[in-house]
Amino acid sequence: MIKDIFSNCLNEVKSKSLRPLGSLKSKFKKIGIVGSGLMGHGIAYVSSYYGFKVVLIDNSKENVLTAFSKIEKMFKTEIKQNLFSNSQMEKCLENIKVSTDVSDLKGCDLVIEAVYEDTALKRDVTIAAEKIMKSSGVFSSNTSTIPISKLATVSVRPENFIGIHFFSPVHKMKLVEIIKNDNTSSNTLARTLDFINAIKKIPIVVNDGPGFFTTRVFMKYALEGMALLHEGNDAYAIESAGKEVGFPVGPLAILDEISLKVAFNIRNQERKNTNSVELNLLEEPWDEVLSLMINEFGRLGRINKKGFYEYPENGMKKLWSGLGTKITSKRIKISKNLMCERLIFSQVIEALNCYDQGVLNSIAEANVGSVYGWGFPKPGVFSYIENYGINKFKVKSNDLFDSFGSRFLVPSFFNAVKDIDELFS
């Protein structure tokens, strides 16, 4: 049953229904990628793998050469697994030019900005790139948090501006979240979808807003894990609860992987993006946890081999013993079932907020985006309500709201909903 529901959602997303009617099919001839870090060189790898000519640009020769070396290593891994040949690799590598000169974006009909999550920096890249790339080309940002409309304010062709949010690692993650704003043309959306389909990714299309859909909802899993820790719950129990509800790893392990600094920056970016109380951006328990971990103890996650987990040179990672003494001195033990419900409900309610604020376009995209974007249990975030029972879900949400605050408050429209299929009817 679960498999059938998810398959139906996936088939709907893969169909041509996302593509604007009347737009001719197109193929980009030259792709520019600005920023050669983890995301940038990952996008370059996938693009060249599927036959696109790529120019990869960064501000230092060392950066672009390191990126090229990493791309070559990724191809060699494919060869070792008998998935690729040497001649295929050589052809793909010939399609990649690395450069420190932005003028090499000349002739690009798609530019993907993949620099650090900083609004001013991204705007600078936009201004520089649009002067050089094809005037008919599409400019896109790989931002995971900053509203596209905010970045597009400096664009001379806002109708050609769109968000293309890849997930890490790019070559393994199936999903791409496409973000359009009020100015994005249907032709730009169609051309972007053609590109995503050409590199064999699964696209969902969402509307603009802080954190879009995936980052905004996914972060609730990680943040609720820190809220549980802040209350004095045992870290082992929190991680176990995350895995018990169907996630590949617990919320604290997820935070270590994405880096606590990134999580901290996302929170700061949220505050810059909006003053809305509806987005629950007031000081929350996880803010204190993040501040202590980063500023007091210098624990950033796997990136510096110390976060919620310790990462010994020899041996498996283990939870940091200081979590129960240095992060909180409180002791509480709530049931594992309640932990599980909080970890799940925090995400599902945020997905309902995304629907309420016009970010989402379909149940299918929400379900597929949640499963492929961050590993939400199948058949997906909205189907969870259906499986749980919509009336039962409302009662439980209200109980959680009474006990733990506004992050568990469902949007008012939902109280009148009798069937989840009503959402997009």
Protein backbone atom coordinates (compact mmCIF):
# COMPACT_ATOMS: atom_id res chain seq x y z
CA MET A 1 0.00 0.00 0.00
CA ILE A 2 2.75 2.47 1.03
CA LYS A 3 4.78 1.49 -2.04
CA ASP A 4 1.76 2.06 -4.32
CA ILE A 5 1.00 5.50 -2.84
CA PHE A 6 4.60 6.66 -3.26
CA SER A 7 4.83 5.18 -6.78
CA ASN A 8 1.72 7.10 -7.80
CA CYS A 9 3.21 10.33 -6.42
CA LEU A 10 6.51 9.67 -8.20
CA ASN A 11 4.77 8.95 -11.50
CA GLU A 12 2.82 12.21 -11.20
CA VAL A 13 6.00 14.20 -10.57
CA LYS A 14 7.85 12.47 -13.42
CA SER A 15 5.02 13.16 -15.85
CA LYS A 16 5.00 16.21 -18.09
CA SER A 17 2.46 17.90 -15.80
CA LEU A 18 5.10 20.15 -14.19
CA ARG A 19 6.20 21.56 -17.54
CA PRO A 20 4.34 24.67 -18.77
CA LEU A 21 2.16 23.95 -21.79
CA GLY A 22 3.23 25.36 -25.14
CA SER A 23 6.96 25.65 -24.40
CA LEU A 24 9.26 24.07 -26.96
CA LYS A 25 11.72 21.47 -25.68
CA SER A 26 15.22 22.88 -25.38
CA LYS A 27 18.77 21.88 -24.49
CA PHE A 28 21.46 24.13 -23.07
CA LYS A 29 24.71 24.08 -25.04
CA LYS A 30 27.12 25.54 -22.47
CA ILE A 31 26.71 25.63 -18.70
CA GLY A 32 28.59 27.96 -16.39
CA ILE A 33 28.96 27.11 -12.72
CA VAL A 34 30.28 29.76 -10.34
CA GLY A 35 31.69 28.27 -7.15
CA SER A 36 33.74 25.06 -7.21
CA GLY A 37 33.03 23.77 -3.71
CA LEU A 38 31.11 20.62 -2.82
CA MET A 39 27.95 21.67 -4.66
CA GLY A 40 29.64 23.41 -7.58
CA HIS A 41 31.96 20.60 -8.59
CA GLY A 42 29.19 18.07 -7.95
CA ILE A 43 26.92 19.89 -10.41
CA ALA A 44 29.81 20.11 -12.89
CA TYR A 45 30.41 16.36 -12.60
CA VAL A 46 26.76 15.44 -13.20
CA SER A 47 26.40 17.92 -16.08
CA SER A 48 29.51 16.65 -17.87
CA TYR A 49 28.46 13.03 -17.18
CA TYR A 50 25.36 13.64 -19.28
CA GLY A 51 27.20 15.34 -22.11
CA PHE A 52 27.01 19.05 -21.31
CA LYS A 53 29.92 21.42 -21.88
CA VAL A 54 30.79 23.08 -18.57
CA VAL A 55 32.92 25.98 -17.41
CA LEU A 56 33.61 25.85 -13.67
CA ILE A 57 34.70 29.15 -12.14
CA ASP A 58 36.13 30.10 -8.77
CA ASN A 59 38.24 32.94 -7.41
CA SER A 60 41.49 30.98 -7.08
CA LYS A 61 43.41 28.61 -9.31
CA GLU A 62 43.98 26.28 -6.38
CA ASN A 63 40.23 25.96 -5.81
CA VAL A 64 39.36 25.08 -9.41
CA LEU A 65 42.26 22.63 -9.78
CA THR A 66 41.25 20.90 -6.54
CA ALA A 67 37.67 20.73 -7.82
CA PHE A 68 38.77 19.25 -11.15
CA SER A 69 40.84 16.64 -9.30
CA LYS A 70 37.79 15.68 -7.23
CA ILE A 71 35.66 15.36 -10.37
CA GLU A 72 38.29 13.12 -11.95
CA LYS A 73 38.34 10.99 -8.80
CA MET A 74 34.55 10.62 -8.97
CA PHE A 75 34.79 9.35 -12.54
CA LYS A 76 37.53 6.91 -11.56
CA THR A 77 35.26 5.50 -8.87
CA GLU A 78 32.67 4.83 -11.60
CA ILE A 79 35.34 3.04 -13.64
CA LYS A 80 36.34 0.85 -10.68
CA GLN A 81 32.71 -0.17 -10.32
CA ASN A 82 32.55 -1.02 -14.04
CA LEU A 83 29.94 1.70 -14.60
CA PHE A 84 32.12 3.82 -16.88
CA SER A 85 35.06 3.44 -19.26
CA ASN A 86 38.32 5.37 -19.47
CA SER A 87 37.36 6.77 -22.87
CA GLN A 88 34.01 7.98 -21.51
CA MET A 89 35.80 9.65 -18.61
CA GLU A 90 38.25 11.40 -20.91
CA LYS A 91 35.41 12.70 -23.07
CA CYS A 92 33.57 14.04 -20.01
CA LEU A 93 36.68 15.70 -18.60
CA GLU A 94 37.33 17.34 -21.97
CA ASN A 95 33.90 18.94 -21.62
CA ILE A 96 34.94 20.69 -18.39
CA LYS A 97 36.94 23.90 -18.42
CA VAL A 98 38.09 25.32 -15.09
CA SER A 99 38.80 29.02 -14.83
CA THR A 100 39.26 31.98 -12.52
CA ASP A 101 38.07 34.41 -15.19
CA VAL A 102 34.36 35.29 -15.17
CA SER A 103 34.62 36.28 -18.85
CA ASP A 104 34.69 32.55 -19.63
CA LEU A 105 30.94 32.60 -19.00
CA LYS A 106 30.62 34.07 -22.50
CA GLY A 107 28.26 31.94 -24.56
CA CYS A 108 26.70 30.20 -21.55
CA ASP A 109 22.95 29.73 -21.87
CA LEU A 110 22.67 28.48 -18.28
CA VAL A 111 24.66 29.79 -15.33
CA ILE A 112 24.34 28.15 -11.92
CA GLU A 113 25.59 30.18 -8.97
CA ALA A 114 26.84 27.83 -6.24
CA VAL A 115 28.75 30.11 -3.87
CA TYR A 116 28.48 30.49 -0.10
CA GLU A 117 25.04 31.32 1.38
CA ASP A 118 25.59 35.06 1.50
CA THR A 119 23.09 37.40 -0.14
CA ALA A 120 25.60 40.12 -1.05
CA LEU A 121 28.04 37.63 -2.59
CA LYS A 122 25.31 35.92 -4.61
CA ARG A 123 24.08 39.27 -5.88
CA ASP A 124 27.62 40.20 -6.97
CA VAL A 125 27.86 36.94 -8.92
CA THR A 126 24.49 37.64 -10.57
CA ILE A 127 25.54 41.11 -11.71
CA ALA A 128 28.90 39.91 -13.07
CA ALA A 129 27.51 36.83 -14.82
CA GLU A 130 24.56 38.53 -16.51
CA LYS A 131 26.91 41.02 -18.19
CA ILE A 132 28.74 38.19 -19.94
CA MET A 133 26.44 35.19 -20.45
CA LYS A 134 23.91 34.97 -23.27
CA SER A 135 21.17 37.55 -22.86
CA SER A 136 18.63 34.82 -23.60
CA GLY A 137 20.19 32.51 -21.03
CA VAL A 138 18.86 31.31 -17.69
CA PHE A 139 20.56 32.47 -14.51
CA SER A 140 19.97 30.27 -11.47
CA SER A 141 20.98 30.14 -7.83
CA ASN A 142 21.68 26.94 -5.93
CA THR A 143 20.72 28.64 -2.66
CA SER A 144 19.02 26.44 -0.09
CA THR A 145 17.63 29.23 2.10
CA ILE A 146 17.62 32.73 0.56
CA PRO A 147 14.41 33.79 -1.23
CA ILE A 148 14.88 33.89 -4.99
CA SER A 149 12.96 37.17 -5.20
CA LYS A 150 15.51 38.71 -2.83
CA LEU A 151 18.44 37.58 -5.00
CA ALA A 152 16.71 38.55 -8.26
CA THR A 153 16.38 42.22 -7.29
CA VAL A 154 19.75 42.93 -8.95
CA SER A 155 18.97 40.92 -12.09
CA VAL A 156 18.53 42.83 -15.35
CA ARG A 157 16.44 39.93 -16.63
CA PRO A 158 14.36 38.74 -13.64
CA GLU A 159 12.13 36.71 -15.94
CA ASN A 160 15.18 34.50 -16.64
CA PHE A 161 16.06 34.09 -12.95
CA ILE A 162 15.19 30.85 -11.13
CA GLY A 163 16.30 28.74 -8.19
CA ILE A 164 17.84 25.31 -8.81
CA HIS A 165 18.44 23.67 -5.43
CA PHE A 166 20.58 20.53 -5.71
CA PHE A 167 21.16 18.23 -2.75
CA SER A 168 24.45 16.88 -1.45
CA PRO A 169 26.12 14.73 -2.64
CA VAL A 170 24.86 15.89 -6.04
CA HIS A 171 25.82 12.74 -7.93
CA LYS A 172 23.86 10.52 -5.52
CA MET A 173 20.81 12.56 -4.56
CA LYS A 174 17.90 12.15 -6.98
CA LEU A 175 15.94 15.28 -6.14
CA VAL A 176 16.26 18.84 -7.44
CA GLU A 177 14.02 21.57 -6.01
CA ILE A 178 13.18 24.24 -8.59
CA ILE A 179 12.07 27.55 -7.11
CA LYS A 180 10.18 30.12 -9.13
CA ASN A 181 9.15 33.59 -8.04
CA ASP A 182 6.54 35.98 -9.41
CA ASN A 183 8.83 37.17 -12.22
CA THR A 184 10.08 33.77 -13.43
CA SER A 185 8.73 33.15 -16.93
CA SER A 186 7.10 29.90 -18.02
CA ASN A 187 9.81 29.56 -20.69
CA THR A 188 12.55 29.77 -18.04
CA LEU A 189 10.78 27.12 -15.97
CA ALA A 190 10.36 24.84 -19.00
CA ARG A 191 14.02 25.14 -20.02
CA THR A 192 15.13 24.45 -16.46
CA LEU A 193 12.94 21.35 -16.25
CA ASP A 194 14.39 20.12 -19.55
CA PHE A 195 17.89 20.43 -18.08
CA ILE A 196 16.98 18.61 -14.85
CA ASN A 197 15.38 15.80 -16.83
CA ALA A 198 18.43 15.61 -19.10
CA ILE A 199 20.71 14.96 -16.11
CA LYS A 200 18.28 12.26 -14.87
CA LYS A 201 17.18 14.04 -11.72
CA ILE A 202 13.66 14.20 -10.31
CA PRO A 203 12.37 17.80 -10.12
CA ILE A 204 9.77 19.31 -7.88
CA VAL A 205 8.62 22.88 -8.53
CA VAL A 206 7.86 25.13 -5.57
CA ASN A 207 7.09 28.80 -5.12
CA ASP A 208 9.43 31.26 -3.47
CA GLY A 209 9.69 31.75 0.28
CA PRO A 210 12.32 31.57 3.05
CA GLY A 211 13.84 28.07 3.03
CA PHE A 212 11.44 27.09 0.21
CA PHE A 213 10.03 23.65 1.07
CA THR A 214 12.81 21.14 1.65
CA THR A 215 15.22 23.13 3.81
CA ARG A 216 12.42 24.67 5.81
CA VAL A 217 10.71 21.37 6.67
CA PHE A 218 13.82 19.19 6.96
CA MET A 219 15.38 21.56 9.49
CA LYS A 220 12.45 20.94 11.84
CA TYR A 221 13.67 17.35 12.31
CA ALA A 222 17.14 18.51 13.32
CA LEU A 223 15.88 21.39 15.45
CA GLU A 224 13.36 19.27 17.34
CA GLY A 225 16.19 16.86 18.16
CA MET A 226 18.04 19.75 19.80
CA ALA A 227 14.88 20.83 21.62
CA LEU A 228 14.61 17.33 23.10
CA LEU A 229 18.26 17.49 24.13
CA HIS A 230 17.82 20.94 25.69
CA GLU A 231 14.98 19.59 27.85
CA GLY A 232 17.33 16.98 29.30
CA ASN A 233 16.41 13.91 27.27
CA ASP A 234 19.11 11.32 26.70
CA ALA A 235 20.95 11.80 23.40
CA TYR A 236 21.01 8.06 22.68
CA ALA A 237 17.23 7.91 23.09
CA ILE A 238 16.76 10.91 20.76
CA GLU A 239 18.87 9.32 18.03
CA SER A 240 17.11 6.00 18.48
CA ALA A 241 13.71 7.69 18.15
CA GLY A 242 14.73 9.30 14.86
CA LYS A 243 15.73 5.96 13.40
CA GLU A 244 12.66 4.23 14.81
CA VAL A 245 10.30 6.50 12.87
CA GLY A 246 12.15 5.67 9.65
CA PHE A 247 14.95 8.18 9.14
CA PRO A 248 18.35 6.83 8.07
CA VAL A 249 20.08 8.58 10.99
CA GLY A 250 19.09 10.52 14.09
CA PRO A 251 18.62 14.31 14.16
CA LEU A 252 21.90 14.99 15.99
CA ALA A 253 23.87 12.92 13.47
CA ILE A 254 22.18 14.85 10.64
CA LEU A 255 23.29 18.13 12.21
CA ASP A 256 26.87 16.90 12.40
CA GLU A 257 26.77 15.99 8.71
CA ILE A 258 25.41 19.32 7.48
CA SER A 259 27.58 21.17 10.07
CA LEU A 260 26.31 23.07 13.07
CA LYS A 261 27.66 26.28 11.56
CA VAL A 262 25.43 25.75 8.51
CA ALA A 263 22.42 25.14 10.78
CA PHE A 264 23.31 28.29 12.73
CA ASN A 265 23.59 30.29 9.49
CA ILE A 266 20.24 28.95 8.28
CA ARG A 267 18.62 30.19 11.49
CA ASN A 268 20.25 33.60 11.04
CA GLN A 269 19.18 33.70 7.40
CA GLU A 270 15.60 32.92 8.42
CA ARG A 271 15.62 35.89 10.74
CA LYS A 272 16.93 38.15 7.99
CA ASN A 273 14.36 36.86 5.53
CA THR A 274 11.29 37.48 7.64
CA ASN A 275 9.97 38.98 10.83
CA SER A 276 6.91 36.76 10.73
CA VAL A 277 5.90 35.14 14.00
CA GLU A 278 4.02 32.60 11.87
CA LEU A 279 7.36 31.07 10.90
CA ASN A 280 8.18 30.44 14.57
CA LEU A 281 11.44 32.37 14.37
CA LEU A 282 11.44 33.66 17.92
CA GLU A 283 14.15 32.39 20.26
CA GLU A 284 13.74 28.63 20.57
CA PRO A 285 15.50 26.02 22.75
CA TRP A 286 17.69 24.84 19.87
CA ASP A 287 19.21 28.31 19.49
CA GLU A 288 20.86 28.00 22.90
CA VAL A 289 22.14 24.52 22.03
CA LEU A 290 23.66 25.73 18.75
CA SER A 291 25.25 28.73 20.44
CA LEU A 292 26.84 26.62 23.17
CA MET A 293 28.10 23.95 20.78
CA ILE A 294 29.67 26.45 18.38
CA ASN A 295 30.75 29.40 20.49
CA GLU A 296 31.49 27.78 23.84
CA PHE A 297 32.94 24.44 22.79
CA GLY A 298 33.97 24.91 19.14
CA ARG A 299 32.05 21.83 18.08
CA LEU A 300 30.99 22.18 14.45
CA GLY A 301 30.24 18.60 13.46
CA ARG A 302 32.04 16.10 11.29
CA ILE A 303 33.78 18.98 9.50
CA ASN A 304 36.12 19.50 12.49
CA LYS A 305 35.71 15.98 13.90
CA LYS A 306 33.73 17.12 16.92
CA GLY A 307 30.06 17.89 17.12
CA PHE A 308 27.28 16.03 18.86
CA TYR A 309 29.47 13.03 18.06
CA GLU A 310 33.18 12.37 18.56
CA TYR A 311 35.08 11.18 15.48
CA PRO A 312 38.18 9.23 16.58
CA GLU A 313 40.87 8.54 13.99
CA ASN A 314 40.49 4.83 14.62
CA GLY A 315 37.09 3.48 15.47
CA MET A 316 33.45 4.38 15.09
CA LYS A 317 31.90 7.72 15.93
CA LYS A 318 30.25 8.01 19.33
CA LEU A 319 28.04 10.59 21.03
CA TRP A 320 29.98 13.24 22.94
CA SER A 321 29.90 12.55 26.66
CA GLY A 322 29.56 16.28 27.39
CA LEU A 323 26.02 16.45 25.97
CA GLY A 324 24.50 15.47 29.31
CA THR A 325 26.59 17.86 31.41
CA LYS A 326 27.86 20.81 29.35
CA ILE A 327 24.86 21.40 27.07
CA THR A 328 22.18 20.84 29.67
CA SER A 329 22.18 19.83 33.30
CA LYS A 330 18.47 19.04 33.25
CA ARG A 331 17.26 15.47 33.39
CA ILE A 332 13.96 14.36 31.93
CA LYS A 333 12.73 11.15 30.41
CA ILE A 334 9.75 11.27 28.10
CA SER A 335 8.47 8.18 26.30
CA LYS A 336 10.10 7.16 23.06
CA ASN A 337 6.68 7.29 21.42
CA LEU A 338 6.34 10.98 22.34
CA MET A 339 9.84 11.68 21.03
CA CYS A 340 8.94 9.98 17.75
CA GLU A 341 5.73 11.98 17.44
CA ARG A 342 7.49 15.27 18.08
CA LEU A 343 10.19 14.56 15.50
CA ILE A 344 7.58 13.71 12.86
CA PHE A 345 4.83 16.19 13.73
CA SER A 346 7.21 19.16 13.72
CA GLN A 347 7.94 18.43 10.05
CA VAL A 348 4.41 17.61 8.95
CA ILE A 349 3.01 20.78 10.53
CA GLU A 350 5.72 22.87 8.85
CA ALA A 351 4.76 21.25 5.52
CA LEU A 352 1.17 22.35 6.19
CA ASN A 353 2.49 25.88 6.81
CA CYS A 354 4.27 25.69 3.44
CA TYR A 355 0.97 24.76 1.80
CA ASP A 356 -0.87 27.52 3.65
CA GLN A 357 1.67 30.14 2.50
CA GLY A 358 1.55 29.05 -1.15
CA VAL A 359 4.98 27.42 -1.36
CA LEU A 360 3.73 23.99 -2.47
CA ASN A 361 1.85 23.09 -5.64
CA SER A 362 0.84 19.47 -5.10
CA ILE A 363 0.63 16.61 -2.61
CA ALA A 364 2.77 14.49 -4.94
CA GLU A 365 5.63 17.01 -4.98
CA ALA A 366 5.49 17.36 -1.19
CA ASN A 367 5.63 13.59 -0.71
CA VAL A 368 8.38 12.97 -3.27
CA GLY A 369 10.36 16.00 -2.11
CA SER A 370 10.28 14.85 1.51
CA VAL A 371 11.31 11.26 0.73
CA TYR A 372 14.07 12.03 -1.79
CA GLY A 373 15.12 15.36 -0.28
CA TRP A 374 15.88 14.32 3.29
CA GLY A 375 14.75 10.74 3.81
CA PHE A 376 11.28 11.25 5.29
CA PRO A 377 9.61 7.84 5.67
CA LYS A 378 7.62 6.70 2.63
CA PRO A 379 5.08 7.48 1.29
CA GLY A 380 5.85 11.05 2.35
CA VAL A 381 5.06 14.01 4.54
CA PHE A 382 1.39 14.57 3.61
CA SER A 383 0.55 10.88 3.33
CA TYR A 384 1.67 10.59 6.95
CA ILE A 385 -1.45 12.57 7.96
CA GLU A 386 -3.66 10.22 5.98
CA ASN A 387 -2.06 7.11 7.47
CA TYR A 388 -2.18 8.52 11.00
CA GLY A 389 -5.82 9.57 10.60
CA ILE A 390 -6.66 13.21 9.94
CA ASN A 391 -8.89 13.73 13.00
CA LYS A 392 -6.47 11.89 15.25
CA PHE A 393 -3.65 14.05 13.83
CA LYS A 394 -5.53 17.24 14.72
CA VAL A 395 -6.09 16.07 18.30
CA LYS A 396 -2.44 15.04 18.78
CA SER A 397 -1.17 18.31 17.25
CA ASN A 398 -3.33 20.25 19.69
CA ASP A 399 -1.94 18.21 22.60
CA LEU A 400 1.63 18.90 21.45
CA PHE A 401 0.82 22.60 21.05
CA ASP A 402 -0.52 22.76 24.61
CA SER A 403 2.58 21.02 25.97
CA PHE A 404 5.43 22.33 23.80
CA GLY A 405 4.37 25.56 22.15
CA SER A 406 3.54 27.26 18.88
CA ARG A 407 5.71 25.14 16.59
CA PHE A 408 3.02 22.45 16.91
CA LEU A 409 0.14 24.78 16.04
CA VAL A 410 -1.49 23.69 12.77
CA PRO A 411 -2.50 26.51 10.39
CA SER A 412 -6.13 27.53 10.86
CA PHE A 413 -7.30 26.31 7.44
CA PHE A 414 -6.44 22.72 8.40
CA ASN A 415 -9.11 22.54 11.08
CA ALA A 416 -11.78 22.47 8.36
CA VAL A 417 -10.01 19.86 6.20
CA LYS A 418 -11.70 16.46 6.26
CA ASP A 419 -9.57 14.69 3.65
CA ILE A 420 -5.93 15.36 2.72
CA ASP A 421 -6.87 15.28 -0.98
CA GLU A 422 -8.83 18.51 -0.42
CA LEU A 423 -5.56 20.46 -0.15
CA PHE A 424 -4.94 20.93 -3.86
CA SER A 425 -8.40 20.21 -5.25
